[in-house]
């Protein structure tokens, strides 16, 4: 496996490609990077992404569309507000119709 510093950089590069109005999962990014079992490591990278202004960490959620990283944003609702500002509906900390907004880098970045 890659050093965590390089892995984090790779995660950030993939996250930067997620279009507005779309979201992906930690596991989808890990699978795209050839580290299918490293969803948690992608989560750690996203937790550290807030210091990097051009990484849309709010577009990365768990496999069920839950906003599991929301505590790492400025206030308790900022992640939801950012998603909703892009047209993504969120209810009870979960993206609604996640299958419709899901962006799969393995498919989209052929």
PDB file of N, CA and C in Angstrom:
ATOM      1  N   UNK A   1       0.839  -1.186   0.000  1.00  0.00           N
ATOM      2  CA  UNK A   1       0.000   0.000   0.000  1.00  0.00           C
ATOM      3  C   UNK A   1       0.884   1.249   0.000  1.00  0.00           C
ATOM      4  N   UNK A   2       0.342   2.297  -0.562  1.00  0.00           N
ATOM      5  CA  UNK A   2       1.095   3.547  -0.650  1.00  0.00           C
ATOM      6  C   UNK A   2       1.262   4.175   0.727  1.00  0.00           C
ATOM      7  N   UNK A   3       2.278   5.000   0.867  1.00  0.00           N
ATOM      8  CA  UNK A   3       2.425   5.800   2.089  1.00  0.00           C
ATOM      9  C   UNK A   3       1.154   6.610   2.268  1.00  0.00           C
ATOM     10  N   UNK A   4       0.771   6.848   3.513  1.00  0.00           N
ATOM     11  CA  UNK A   4      -0.481   7.558   3.757  1.00  0.00           C
ATOM     12  C   UNK A   4      -0.455   8.966   3.170  1.00  0.00           C
ATOM     13  N   UNK A   5       0.690   9.642   3.170  1.00  0.00           N
ATOM     14  CA  UNK A   5       0.766  10.980   2.591  1.00  0.00           C
ATOM     15  C   UNK A   5       0.434  10.982   1.113  1.00  0.00           C
ATOM     16  N   UNK A   6       0.986  10.042   0.365  1.00  0.00           N
ATOM     17  CA  UNK A   6       0.685   9.947  -1.071  1.00  0.00           C
ATOM     18  C   UNK A   6      -0.748   9.480  -1.278  1.00  0.00           C
ATOM     19  N   UNK A   7      -1.208   8.548  -0.460  1.00  0.00           N
ATOM     20  CA  UNK A   7      -2.588   8.069  -0.573  1.00  0.00           C
ATOM     21  C   UNK A   7      -3.557   9.229  -0.362  1.00  0.00           C
ATOM     22  N   UNK A   8      -3.308  10.048   0.663  1.00  0.00           N
ATOM     23  CA  UNK A   8      -4.169  11.207   0.922  1.00  0.00           C
ATOM     24  C   UNK A   8      -4.188  12.142  -0.282  1.00  0.00           C
ATOM     25  N   UNK A   9      -3.019  12.400  -0.871  1.00  0.00           N
ATOM     26  CA  UNK A   9      -2.946  13.272  -2.047  1.00  0.00           C
ATOM     27  C   UNK A   9      -3.765  12.690  -3.205  1.00  0.00           C
ATOM     28  N   UNK A  10      -3.666  11.382  -3.393  1.00  0.00           N
ATOM     29  CA  UNK A  10      -4.433  10.718  -4.452  1.00  0.00           C
ATOM     30  C   UNK A  10      -5.936  10.841  -4.180  1.00  0.00           C
ATOM     31  N   UNK A  11      -6.333  10.666  -2.927  1.00  0.00           N
ATOM     32  CA  UNK A  11      -7.742  10.814  -2.536  1.00  0.00           C
ATOM     33  C   UNK A  11      -8.218  12.226  -2.876  1.00  0.00           C
ATOM     34  N   UNK A  12      -7.423  13.226  -2.523  1.00  0.00           N
ATOM     35  CA  UNK A  12      -7.805  14.615  -2.786  1.00  0.00           C
ATOM     36  C   UNK A  12      -7.966  14.874  -4.284  1.00  0.00           C
ATOM     37  N   UNK A  13      -7.085  14.300  -5.093  1.00  0.00           N
ATOM     38  CA  UNK A  13      -7.176  14.498  -6.537  1.00  0.00           C
ATOM     39  C   UNK A  13      -8.471  13.899  -7.088  1.00  0.00           C
ATOM     40  N   UNK A  14      -8.877  12.742  -6.586  1.00  0.00           N
ATOM     41  CA  UNK A  14     -10.139  12.139  -7.027  1.00  0.00           C
ATOM     42  C   UNK A  14     -11.312  12.990  -6.539  1.00  0.00           C
ATOM     43  N   UNK A  15     -11.272  13.410  -5.295  1.00  0.00           N
ATOM     44  CA  UNK A  15     -12.364  14.212  -4.731  1.00  0.00           C
ATOM     45  C   UNK A  15     -12.564  15.506  -5.515  1.00  0.00           C
ATOM     46  N   UNK A  16     -11.496  16.090  -5.991  1.00  0.00           N
ATOM     47  CA  UNK A  16     -11.594  17.340  -6.765  1.00  0.00           C
ATOM     48  C   UNK A  16     -12.369  17.138  -8.064  1.00  0.00           C
ATOM     49  N   UNK A  17     -12.487  15.905  -8.527  1.00  0.00           N
ATOM     50  CA  UNK A  17     -13.159  15.608  -9.788  1.00  0.00           C
ATOM     51  C   UNK A  17     -14.657  15.361  -9.628  1.00  0.00           C
ATOM     52  N   UNK A  18     -15.138  15.259  -8.398  1.00  0.00           N
ATOM     53  CA  UNK A  18     -16.567  15.017  -8.168  1.00  0.00           C
ATOM     54  C   UNK A  18     -17.338  16.257  -8.605  1.00  0.00           C
ATOM     55  N   UNK A  19     -18.241  16.105  -9.552  1.00  0.00           N
ATOM     56  CA  UNK A  19     -18.985  17.284 -10.034  1.00  0.00           C
ATOM     57  C   UNK A  19     -19.947  17.841  -8.979  1.00  0.00           C
ATOM     58  N   UNK A  20     -20.234  19.121  -9.084  1.00  0.00           N
ATOM     59  CA  UNK A  20     -21.250  19.724  -8.216  1.00  0.00           C
ATOM     60  C   UNK A  20     -22.560  18.988  -8.433  1.00  0.00           C
ATOM     61  N   UNK A  21     -23.298  18.805  -7.338  1.00  0.00           N
ATOM     62  CA  UNK A  21     -24.579  18.122  -7.432  1.00  0.00           C
ATOM     63  C   UNK A  21     -24.477  16.615  -7.421  1.00  0.00           C
ATOM     64  N   UNK A  22     -23.269  16.103  -7.206  1.00  0.00           N
ATOM     65  CA  UNK A  22     -23.041  14.656  -7.146  1.00  0.00           C
ATOM     66  C   UNK A  22     -22.292  14.356  -5.853  1.00  0.00           C
ATOM     67  N   UNK A  23     -22.322  13.112  -5.424  1.00  0.00           N
ATOM     68  CA  UNK A  23     -21.618  12.676  -4.221  1.00  0.00           C
ATOM     69  C   UNK A  23     -21.104  11.268  -4.434  1.00  0.00           C
ATOM     70  N   UNK A  24     -20.093  10.906  -3.677  1.00  0.00           N
ATOM     71  CA  UNK A  24     -19.540   9.557  -3.761  1.00  0.00           C
ATOM     72  C   UNK A  24     -19.285   9.048  -2.350  1.00  0.00           C
ATOM     73  N   UNK A  25     -18.785   7.835  -2.273  1.00  0.00           N
ATOM     74  CA  UNK A  25     -18.523   7.232  -0.962  1.00  0.00           C
ATOM     75  C   UNK A  25     -17.022   7.051  -0.745  1.00  0.00           C
ATOM     76  N   UNK A  26     -16.678   6.893   0.513  1.00  0.00           N
ATOM     77  CA  UNK A  26     -15.284   6.623   0.872  1.00  0.00           C
ATOM     78  C   UNK A  26     -14.807   5.356   0.163  1.00  0.00           C
ATOM     79  N   UNK A  27     -15.655   4.332   0.175  1.00  0.00           N
ATOM     80  CA  UNK A  27     -15.299   3.060  -0.440  1.00  0.00           C
ATOM     81  C   UNK A  27     -15.123   3.135  -1.938  1.00  0.00           C
ATOM     82  N   UNK A  28     -15.936   3.963  -2.609  1.00  0.00           N
ATOM     83  CA  UNK A  28     -15.814   4.103  -4.060  1.00  0.00           C
ATOM     84  C   UNK A  28     -14.479   4.730  -4.427  1.00  0.00           C
ATOM     85  N   UNK A  29     -14.053   5.709  -3.645  1.00  0.00           N
ATOM     86  CA  UNK A  29     -12.740   6.324  -3.907  1.00  0.00           C
ATOM     87  C   UNK A  29     -11.635   5.318  -3.629  1.00  0.00           C
ATOM     88  N   UNK A  30     -11.744   4.586  -2.535  1.00  0.00           N
ATOM     89  CA  UNK A  30     -10.729   3.577  -2.200  1.00  0.00           C
ATOM     90  C   UNK A  30     -10.626   2.531  -3.309  1.00  0.00           C
ATOM     91  N   UNK A  31     -11.770   2.048  -3.800  1.00  0.00           N
ATOM     92  CA  UNK A  31     -11.772   1.043  -4.864  1.00  0.00           C
ATOM     93  C   UNK A  31     -11.122   1.595  -6.128  1.00  0.00           C
ATOM     94  N   UNK A  32     -11.441   2.840  -6.471  1.00  0.00           N
ATOM     95  CA  UNK A  32     -10.852   3.459  -7.657  1.00  0.00           C
ATOM     96  C   UNK A  32      -9.330   3.527  -7.542  1.00  0.00           C
ATOM     97  N   UNK A  33      -8.846   3.780  -6.333  1.00  0.00           N
ATOM     98  CA  UNK A  33      -7.398   3.897  -6.117  1.00  0.00           C
ATOM     99  C   UNK A  33      -6.716   2.544  -5.934  1.00  0.00           C
ATOM    100  N   UNK A  34      -7.480   1.457  -6.100  1.00  0.00           N
ATOM    101  CA  UNK A  34      -6.903   0.122  -5.994  1.00  0.00           C
ATOM    102  C   UNK A  34      -6.697  -0.347  -4.573  1.00  0.00           C
ATOM    103  N   UNK A  35      -7.386   0.288  -3.633  1.00  0.00           N
ATOM    104  CA  UNK A  35      -7.275  -0.065  -2.211  1.00  0.00           C
ATOM    105  C   UNK A  35      -8.666  -0.296  -1.640  1.00  0.00           C
ATOM    106  N   UNK A  36      -9.355  -1.280  -2.212  1.00  0.00           N
ATOM    107  CA  UNK A  36     -10.768  -1.496  -1.894  1.00  0.00           C
ATOM    108  C   UNK A  36     -11.068  -1.538  -0.403  1.00  0.00           C
ATOM    109  N   UNK A  37     -10.208  -2.072   0.403  1.00  0.00           N
ATOM    110  CA  UNK A  37     -10.443  -2.182   1.836  1.00  0.00           C
ATOM    111  C   UNK A  37     -10.052  -0.953   2.638  1.00  0.00           C
ATOM    112  N   UNK A  38      -9.787   0.151   1.966  1.00  0.00           N
ATOM    113  CA  UNK A  38      -9.263   1.332   2.652  1.00  0.00           C
ATOM    114  C   UNK A  38     -10.258   2.486   2.750  1.00  0.00           C
ATOM    115  N   UNK A  39     -11.535   2.181   2.837  1.00  0.00           N
ATOM    116  CA  UNK A  39     -12.551   3.235   2.935  1.00  0.00           C
ATOM    117  C   UNK A  39     -12.304   4.110   4.165  1.00  0.00           C
ATOM    118  N   UNK A  40     -11.926   3.498   5.262  1.00  0.00           N
ATOM    119  CA  UNK A  40     -11.670   4.271   6.488  1.00  0.00           C
ATOM    120  C   UNK A  40     -10.507   5.243   6.292  1.00  0.00           C
ATOM    121  N   UNK A  41      -9.497   4.809   5.564  1.00  0.00           N
ATOM    122  CA  UNK A  41      -8.340   5.678   5.291  1.00  0.00           C
ATOM    123  C   UNK A  41      -8.776   6.870   4.430  1.00  0.00           C
ATOM    124  N   UNK A  42      -9.699   6.637   3.482  1.00  0.00           N
ATOM    125  CA  UNK A  42     -10.244   7.737   2.686  1.00  0.00           C
ATOM    126  C   UNK A  42     -10.979   8.705   3.608  1.00  0.00           C
ATOM    127  N   UNK A  43     -11.709   8.165   4.575  1.00  0.00           N
ATOM    128  CA  UNK A  43     -12.393   9.005   5.568  1.00  0.00           C
ATOM    129  C   UNK A  43     -11.409   9.862   6.340  1.00  0.00           C
ATOM    130  N   UNK A  44     -10.293   9.285   6.732  1.00  0.00           N
ATOM    131  CA  UNK A  44      -9.273  10.060   7.454  1.00  0.00           C
ATOM    132  C   UNK A  44      -8.724  11.171   6.559  1.00  0.00           C
ATOM    133  N   UNK A  45      -8.527  10.845   5.292  1.00  0.00           N
ATOM    134  CA  UNK A  45      -8.052  11.867   4.354  1.00  0.00           C
ATOM    135  C   UNK A  45      -9.072  13.003   4.263  1.00  0.00           C
ATOM    136  N   UNK A  46     -10.341  12.664   4.166  1.00  0.00           N
ATOM    137  CA  UNK A  46     -11.383  13.698   4.081  1.00  0.00           C
ATOM    138  C   UNK A  46     -11.430  14.534   5.365  1.00  0.00           C
ATOM    139  N   UNK A  47     -11.203  13.906   6.501  1.00  0.00           N
ATOM    140  CA  UNK A  47     -11.170  14.650   7.769  1.00  0.00           C
ATOM    141  C   UNK A  47     -10.064  15.694   7.775  1.00  0.00           C
ATOM    142  N   UNK A  48      -8.984  15.406   7.069  1.00  0.00           N
ATOM    143  CA  UNK A  48      -7.854  16.327   6.994  1.00  0.00           C
ATOM    144  C   UNK A  48      -7.951  17.294   5.821  1.00  0.00           C
ATOM    145  N   UNK A  49      -8.964  17.140   4.987  1.00  0.00           N
ATOM    146  CA  UNK A  49      -9.073  17.936   3.765  1.00  0.00           C
ATOM    147  C   UNK A  49      -9.587  19.342   4.012  1.00  0.00           C
ATOM    148  N   UNK A  50     -10.089  19.612   5.182  1.00  0.00           N
ATOM    149  CA  UNK A  50     -10.719  20.899   5.437  1.00  0.00           C
ATOM    150  C   UNK A  50      -9.734  22.066   5.411  1.00  0.00           C
ATOM    151  N   UNK A  51      -8.477  21.777   5.557  1.00  0.00           N
ATOM    152  CA  UNK A  51      -7.453  22.822   5.468  1.00  0.00           C
ATOM    153  C   UNK A  51      -7.081  23.104   4.011  1.00  0.00           C
ATOM    154  N   UNK A  52      -7.599  22.288   3.103  1.00  0.00           N
ATOM    155  CA  UNK A  52      -7.300  22.429   1.682  1.00  0.00           C
ATOM    156  C   UNK A  52      -8.558  22.969   1.002  1.00  0.00           C
ATOM    157  N   UNK A  53      -8.496  24.197   0.539  1.00  0.00           N
ATOM    158  CA  UNK A  53      -9.701  24.897   0.090  1.00  0.00           C
ATOM    159  C   UNK A  53     -10.381  24.303  -1.141  1.00  0.00           C
ATOM    160  N   UNK A  54      -9.663  23.648  -2.018  1.00  0.00           N
ATOM    161  CA  UNK A  54     -10.278  23.184  -3.263  1.00  0.00           C
ATOM    162  C   UNK A  54     -10.658  21.702  -3.262  1.00  0.00           C
ATOM    163  N   UNK A  55     -10.736  21.074  -2.082  1.00  0.00           N
ATOM    164  CA  UNK A  55     -11.159  19.678  -1.986  1.00  0.00           C
ATOM    165  C   UNK A  55     -12.591  19.664  -1.451  1.00  0.00           C
ATOM    166  N   UNK A  56     -13.554  19.245  -2.270  1.00  0.00           N
ATOM    167  CA  UNK A  56     -14.953  19.254  -1.846  1.00  0.00           C
ATOM    168  C   UNK A  56     -15.300  18.046  -0.961  1.00  0.00           C
ATOM    169  N   UNK A  57     -14.769  18.053   0.245  1.00  0.00           N
ATOM    170  CA  UNK A  57     -14.951  16.918   1.165  1.00  0.00           C
ATOM    171  C   UNK A  57     -16.421  16.670   1.488  1.00  0.00           C
ATOM    172  N   UNK A  58     -17.250  17.694   1.360  1.00  0.00           N
ATOM    173  CA  UNK A  58     -18.676  17.524   1.660  1.00  0.00           C
ATOM    174  C   UNK A  58     -19.360  16.571   0.688  1.00  0.00           C
ATOM    175  N   UNK A  59     -18.750  16.291  -0.444  1.00  0.00           N
ATOM    176  CA  UNK A  59     -19.335  15.390  -1.450  1.00  0.00           C
ATOM    177  C   UNK A  59     -18.965  13.932  -1.226  1.00  0.00           C
ATOM    178  N   UNK A  60     -18.256  13.644  -0.141  1.00  0.00           N
ATOM    179  CA  UNK A  60     -17.843  12.273   0.145  1.00  0.00           C
ATOM    180  C   UNK A  60     -18.527  11.829   1.436  1.00  0.00           C
ATOM    181  N   UNK A  61     -19.312  10.761   1.323  1.00  0.00           N
ATOM    182  CA  UNK A  61     -20.128  10.265   2.439  1.00  0.00           C
ATOM    183  C   UNK A  61     -19.947   8.750   2.563  1.00  0.00           C
ATOM    184  N   UNK A  62     -20.660   8.142   3.499  1.00  0.00           N
ATOM    185  CA  UNK A  62     -20.512   6.693   3.613  1.00  0.00           C
ATOM    186  C   UNK A  62     -21.343   5.982   2.539  1.00  0.00           C
ATOM    187  N   UNK A  63     -21.238   4.681   2.481  1.00  0.00           N
ATOM    188  CA  UNK A  63     -21.859   3.905   1.393  1.00  0.00           C
ATOM    189  C   UNK A  63     -23.367   3.986   1.350  1.00  0.00           C
ATOM    190  N   UNK A  64     -23.978   4.421   2.439  1.00  0.00           N
ATOM    191  CA  UNK A  64     -25.436   4.574   2.498  1.00  0.00           C
ATOM    192  C   UNK A  64     -25.880   6.022   2.300  1.00  0.00           C
ATOM    193  N   UNK A  65     -24.936   6.901   2.010  1.00  0.00           N
ATOM    194  CA  UNK A  65     -25.271   8.306   1.821  1.00  0.00           C
ATOM    195  C   UNK A  65     -25.369   9.088   3.120  1.00  0.00           C
ATOM    196  N   UNK A  66     -24.915   8.509   4.219  1.00  0.00           N
ATOM    197  CA  UNK A  66     -24.942   9.203   5.511  1.00  0.00           C
ATOM    198  C   UNK A  66     -23.792  10.197   5.611  1.00  0.00           C
ATOM    199  N   UNK A  67     -24.090  11.345   6.209  1.00  0.00           N
ATOM    200  CA  UNK A  67     -23.084  12.399   6.373  1.00  0.00           C
ATOM    201  C   UNK A  67     -22.234  12.116   7.608  1.00  0.00           C
ATOM    202  N   UNK A  68     -21.476  11.048   7.558  1.00  0.00           N
ATOM    203  CA  UNK A  68     -20.711  10.610   8.721  1.00  0.00           C
ATOM    204  C   UNK A  68     -19.552  11.532   9.061  1.00  0.00           C
ATOM    205  N   UNK A  69     -19.135  12.385   8.140  1.00  0.00           N
ATOM    206  CA  UNK A  69     -18.022  13.302   8.406  1.00  0.00           C
ATOM    207  C   UNK A  69     -18.463  14.694   8.794  1.00  0.00           C
ATOM    208  N   UNK A  70     -19.742  14.889   9.055  1.00  0.00           N
ATOM    209  CA  UNK A  70     -20.260  16.248   9.260  1.00  0.00           C
ATOM    210  C   UNK A  70     -19.647  16.960  10.451  1.00  0.00           C
ATOM    211  N   UNK A  71     -19.175  16.221  11.445  1.00  0.00           N
ATOM    212  CA  UNK A  71     -18.592  16.860  12.632  1.00  0.00           C
ATOM    213  C   UNK A  71     -17.273  17.556  12.321  1.00  0.00           C
ATOM    214  N   UNK A  72     -16.703  17.294  11.155  1.00  0.00           N
ATOM    215  CA  UNK A  72     -15.433  17.900  10.787  1.00  0.00           C
ATOM    216  C   UNK A  72     -15.606  19.214  10.027  1.00  0.00           C
ATOM    217  N   UNK A  73     -16.851  19.645   9.872  1.00  0.00           N
ATOM    218  CA  UNK A  73     -17.132  20.915   9.211  1.00  0.00           C
ATOM    219  C   UNK A  73     -17.383  21.967  10.278  1.00  0.00           C
ATOM    220  N   UNK A  74     -17.343  23.233   9.884  1.00  0.00           N
ATOM    221  CA  UNK A  74     -17.443  24.366  10.800  1.00  0.00           C
ATOM    222  C   UNK A  74     -18.541  24.282  11.834  1.00  0.00           C
ATOM    223  N   UNK A  75     -19.757  24.022  11.394  1.00  0.00           N
ATOM    224  CA  UNK A  75     -20.850  23.850  12.345  1.00  0.00           C
ATOM    225  C   UNK A  75     -21.527  22.525  12.043  1.00  0.00           C
ATOM    226  N   UNK A  76     -22.428  22.115  12.852  1.00  0.00           N
ATOM    227  CA  UNK A  76     -23.061  20.811  12.688  1.00  0.00           C
ATOM    228  C   UNK A  76     -23.846  20.634  11.406  1.00  0.00           C
ATOM    229  N   UNK A  77     -24.220  21.733  10.753  1.00  0.00           N
ATOM    230  CA  UNK A  77     -25.041  21.645   9.552  1.00  0.00           C
ATOM    231  C   UNK A  77     -24.321  22.054   8.270  1.00  0.00           C
ATOM    232  N   UNK A  78     -23.064  22.441   8.366  1.00  0.00           N
ATOM    233  CA  UNK A  78     -22.371  22.983   7.191  1.00  0.00           C
ATOM    234  C   UNK A  78     -22.271  21.972   6.049  1.00  0.00           C
ATOM    235  N   UNK A  79     -22.002  20.718   6.346  1.00  0.00           N
ATOM    236  CA  UNK A  79     -21.897  19.717   5.291  1.00  0.00           C
ATOM    237  C   UNK A  79     -23.229  19.597   4.552  1.00  0.00           C
ATOM    238  N   UNK A  80     -24.310  19.524   5.304  1.00  0.00           N
ATOM    239  CA  UNK A  80     -25.637  19.441   4.707  1.00  0.00           C
ATOM    240  C   UNK A  80     -25.939  20.693   3.889  1.00  0.00           C
ATOM    241  N   UNK A  81     -25.608  21.855   4.422  1.00  0.00           N
ATOM    242  CA  UNK A  81     -25.865  23.109   3.719  1.00  0.00           C
ATOM    243  C   UNK A  81     -25.104  23.171   2.398  1.00  0.00           C
ATOM    244  N   UNK A  82     -23.863  22.713   2.397  1.00  0.00           N
ATOM    245  CA  UNK A  82     -23.068  22.705   1.168  1.00  0.00           C
ATOM    246  C   UNK A  82     -23.683  21.773   0.129  1.00  0.00           C
ATOM    247  N   UNK A  83     -24.113  20.600   0.554  1.00  0.00           N
ATOM    248  CA  UNK A  83     -24.743  19.657  -0.371  1.00  0.00           C
ATOM    249  C   UNK A  83     -26.051  20.219  -0.909  1.00  0.00           C
ATOM    250  N   UNK A  84     -26.862  20.787  -0.030  1.00  0.00           N
ATOM    251  CA  UNK A  84     -28.149  21.334  -0.451  1.00  0.00           C
ATOM    252  C   UNK A  84     -27.971  22.525  -1.392  1.00  0.00           C
ATOM    253  N   UNK A  85     -26.897  23.290  -1.206  1.00  0.00           N
ATOM    254  CA  UNK A  85     -26.640  24.423  -2.101  1.00  0.00           C
ATOM    255  C   UNK A  85     -26.324  23.950  -3.517  1.00  0.00           C
ATOM    256  N   UNK A  86     -25.970  22.664  -3.661  1.00  0.00           N
ATOM    257  CA  UNK A  86     -25.686  22.076  -4.969  1.00  0.00           C
ATOM    258  C   UNK A  86     -26.868  21.274  -5.496  1.00  0.00           C
ATOM    259  N   UNK A  87     -28.008  21.346  -4.778  1.00  0.00           N
ATOM    260  CA  UNK A  87     -29.209  20.659  -5.236  1.00  0.00           C
ATOM    261  C   UNK A  87     -29.394  19.248  -4.714  1.00  0.00           C
ATOM    262  N   UNK A  88     -28.549  18.833  -3.785  1.00  0.00           N
ATOM    263  CA  UNK A  88     -28.668  17.489  -3.211  1.00  0.00           C
ATOM    264  C   UNK A  88     -29.575  17.568  -1.985  1.00  0.00           C
ATOM    265  N   UNK A  89     -30.595  16.721  -1.960  1.00  0.00           N
ATOM    266  CA  UNK A  89     -31.534  16.719  -0.840  1.00  0.00           C
ATOM    267  C   UNK A  89     -30.995  15.844   0.290  1.00  0.00           C
ATOM    268  N   UNK A  90     -31.036  16.400   1.516  1.00  0.00           N
ATOM    269  CA  UNK A  90     -30.555  15.688   2.693  1.00  0.00           C
ATOM    270  C   UNK A  90     -31.662  15.701   3.742  1.00  0.00           C
ATOM    271  N   UNK A  91     -31.915  14.546   4.313  1.00  0.00           N
ATOM    272  CA  UNK A  91     -32.911  14.445   5.385  1.00  0.00           C
ATOM    273  C   UNK A  91     -32.346  13.519   6.457  1.00  0.00           C
ATOM    274  N   UNK A  92     -32.412  13.967   7.702  1.00  0.00           N
ATOM    275  CA  UNK A  92     -31.895  13.170   8.831  1.00  0.00           C
ATOM    276  C   UNK A  92     -30.462  12.712   8.584  1.00  0.00           C
ATOM    277  N   UNK A  93     -29.629  13.648   8.117  1.00  0.00           N
ATOM    278  CA  UNK A  93     -28.198  13.393   7.879  1.00  0.00           C
ATOM    279  C   UNK A  93     -27.926  12.340   6.805  1.00  0.00           C
ATOM    280  N   UNK A  94     -28.867  12.155   5.889  1.00  0.00           N
ATOM    281  CA  UNK A  94     -28.669  11.176   4.824  1.00  0.00           C
ATOM    282  C   UNK A  94     -29.104  11.776   3.492  1.00  0.00           C
ATOM    283  N   UNK A  95     -28.271  11.577   2.471  1.00  0.00           N
ATOM    284  CA  UNK A  95     -28.607  12.035   1.127  1.00  0.00           C
ATOM    285  C   UNK A  95     -29.794  11.227   0.631  1.00  0.00           C
ATOM    286  N   UNK A  96     -30.821  11.930   0.177  1.00  0.00           N
ATOM    287  CA  UNK A  96     -31.991  11.288  -0.386  1.00  0.00           C
ATOM    288  C   UNK A  96     -31.711  10.921  -1.845  1.00  0.00           C
ATOM    289  N   UNK A  97     -32.241   9.787  -2.275  1.00  0.00           N
ATOM    290  CA  UNK A  97     -31.999   9.306  -3.642  1.00  0.00           C
ATOM    291  C   UNK A  97     -30.502   9.225  -3.942  1.00  0.00           C
ATOM    292  N   UNK A  98     -29.765   8.672  -2.986  1.00  0.00           N
ATOM    293  CA  UNK A  98     -28.305   8.602  -3.125  1.00  0.00           C
ATOM    294  C   UNK A  98     -27.906   7.907  -4.421  1.00  0.00           C
ATOM    295  N   UNK A  99     -28.661   6.896  -4.822  1.00  0.00           N
ATOM    296  CA  UNK A  99     -28.334   6.181  -6.056  1.00  0.00           C
ATOM    297  C   UNK A  99     -28.404   7.090  -7.285  1.00  0.00           C
ATOM    298  N   UNK A 100     -29.202   8.134  -7.220  1.00  0.00           N
ATOM    299  CA  UNK A 100     -29.346   9.066  -8.352  1.00  0.00           C
ATOM    300  C   UNK A 100     -28.189  10.071  -8.425  1.00  0.00           C
ATOM    301  N   UNK A 101     -27.646  10.465  -7.285  1.00  0.00           N
ATOM    302  CA  UNK A 101     -26.554  11.451  -7.271  1.00  0.00           C
ATOM    303  C   UNK A 101     -25.184  10.792  -7.115  1.00  0.00           C
ATOM    304  N   UNK A 102     -25.171   9.481  -6.918  1.00  0.00           N
ATOM    305  CA  UNK A 102     -23.917   8.772  -6.686  1.00  0.00           C
ATOM    306  C   UNK A 102     -22.999   8.887  -7.896  1.00  0.00           C
ATOM    307  N   UNK A 103     -21.770   9.278  -7.629  1.00  0.00           N
ATOM    308  CA  UNK A 103     -20.731   9.418  -8.645  1.00  0.00           C
ATOM    309  C   UNK A 103     -19.695   8.336  -8.374  1.00  0.00           C
ATOM    310  N   UNK A 104     -19.559   7.414  -9.297  1.00  0.00           N
ATOM    311  CA  UNK A 104     -18.631   6.294  -9.132  1.00  0.00           C
ATOM    312  C   UNK A 104     -17.376   6.570  -9.966  1.00  0.00           C
ATOM    313  N   UNK A 105     -16.272   6.898  -9.309  1.00  0.00           N
ATOM    314  CA  UNK A 105     -15.060   7.232 -10.078  1.00  0.00           C
ATOM    315  C   UNK A 105     -14.566   6.106 -10.967  1.00  0.00           C
ATOM    316  N   UNK A 106     -14.816   4.860 -10.590  1.00  0.00           N
ATOM    317  CA  UNK A 106     -14.362   3.737 -11.402  1.00  0.00           C
ATOM    318  C   UNK A 106     -15.091   3.719 -12.746  1.00  0.00           C
ATOM    319  N   UNK A 107     -16.323   4.172 -12.766  1.00  0.00           N
ATOM    320  CA  UNK A 107     -17.105   4.232 -13.996  1.00  0.00           C
ATOM    321  C   UNK A 107     -16.913   5.577 -14.708  1.00  0.00           C
ATOM    322  N   UNK A 108     -16.960   6.659 -13.937  1.00  0.00           N
ATOM    323  CA  UNK A 108     -16.927   8.001 -14.509  1.00  0.00           C
ATOM    324  C   UNK A 108     -15.547   8.405 -15.033  1.00  0.00           C
ATOM    325  N   UNK A 109     -14.508   7.836 -14.496  1.00  0.00           N
ATOM    326  CA  UNK A 109     -13.134   8.227 -14.879  1.00  0.00           C
ATOM    327  C   UNK A 109     -12.441   7.169 -15.722  1.00  0.00           C
ATOM    328  N   UNK A 110     -13.167   6.586 -16.636  1.00  0.00           N
ATOM    329  CA  UNK A 110     -12.577   5.555 -17.509  1.00  0.00           C
ATOM    330  C   UNK A 110     -11.499   6.108 -18.390  1.00  0.00           C
TER     331      UNK A 110
END
